[in-house]
Protein backbone atom coordinates (compact mmCIF):
# COMPACT_ATOMS: atom_id res chain seq x y z
CA UNK A 1 0.00 0.00 0.00
CA UNK A 2 2.90 2.33 0.71
CA UNK A 3 4.30 1.66 -2.75
CA UNK A 4 1.02 2.66 -4.36
CA UNK A 5 0.94 5.91 -2.37
CA UNK A 6 4.50 6.75 -3.42
CA UNK A 7 3.70 6.03 -7.07
CA UNK A 8 0.60 8.25 -6.99
CA UNK A 9 2.61 11.08 -5.41
CA UNK A 10 5.31 10.72 -8.07
CA UNK A 11 2.69 10.66 -10.81
CA UNK A 12 1.15 13.92 -9.61
CA UNK A 13 4.48 15.56 -8.73
CA UNK A 14 4.17 18.27 -11.43
CA UNK A 15 0.75 19.24 -10.08
CA UNK A 16 2.02 19.32 -6.51
CA UNK A 17 4.97 21.51 -7.48
CA UNK A 18 2.73 23.88 -9.47
CA UNK A 19 0.31 24.25 -6.57
CA UNK A 20 3.13 24.95 -4.11
CA UNK A 21 4.63 27.59 -6.40
CA UNK A 22 1.35 29.48 -6.64
CA UNK A 23 0.37 28.62 -10.21
CA UNK A 24 -3.17 27.93 -11.22
CA UNK A 25 -2.98 24.20 -10.72
CA UNK A 26 -6.11 23.22 -12.66
CA UNK A 27 -4.54 23.13 -16.17
CA UNK A 28 -1.48 21.24 -14.99
CA UNK A 29 -3.62 18.86 -12.93
CA UNK A 30 -5.90 18.05 -15.86
CA UNK A 31 -3.04 17.59 -18.32
CA UNK A 32 -1.18 15.51 -15.76
CA UNK A 33 -4.23 13.32 -15.26
CA UNK A 34 -4.70 12.67 -18.99
CA UNK A 35 -1.13 12.80 -20.36
CA UNK A 36 1.01 12.01 -17.32
CA UNK A 37 1.10 8.33 -18.17
CA UNK A 38 3.29 9.16 -21.18
CA UNK A 39 6.83 9.75 -20.06
CA UNK A 40 7.25 12.71 -22.41
CA UNK A 41 4.04 14.34 -21.18
CA UNK A 42 5.08 13.92 -17.55
CA UNK A 43 8.48 15.52 -18.16
CA UNK A 44 6.93 18.40 -20.13
CA UNK A 45 4.52 19.09 -17.27
CA UNK A 46 7.33 18.87 -14.74
CA UNK A 47 9.37 21.39 -16.70
CA UNK A 48 6.33 23.65 -17.05
CA UNK A 49 5.79 23.58 -13.28
CA UNK A 50 9.45 24.21 -12.49
CA UNK A 51 10.49 26.72 -15.14
CA UNK A 52 7.48 29.01 -15.45
CA UNK A 53 7.65 31.98 -13.17
CA UNK A 54 5.17 32.11 -10.31
CA UNK A 55 2.52 34.84 -10.46
CA UNK A 56 3.30 38.23 -9.00
CA UNK A 57 0.84 39.74 -6.57
CA UNK A 58 1.03 43.48 -6.17
CA UNK A 59 -1.01 46.21 -4.61
CA UNK A 60 -2.79 48.31 -7.18
CA UNK A 61 -3.09 51.86 -5.73
CA UNK A 62 -5.85 52.99 -8.08
CA UNK A 63 -8.17 50.08 -7.33
CA UNK A 64 -7.05 49.68 -3.73
CA UNK A 65 -6.66 45.92 -3.61
CA UNK A 66 -4.09 43.20 -4.23
CA UNK A 67 -4.03 42.06 -7.82
CA UNK A 68 -2.41 39.16 -9.62
CA UNK A 69 -0.19 40.21 -12.55
């Protein structure tokens, strides 16, 4: 049972990394679910999660609230 848990965590590793870096995890999660079983798809998603820059949140003085850029 432990082996299965480790394999599931490894399979969804790109989604976990994307969520921890503050990306919108839904696209990566869906693509990981459907194309993660291909080795190329899994590596592409892993690179996408690691190399894309996380979103920047800044205070917009005109609107008066925090905004995602």
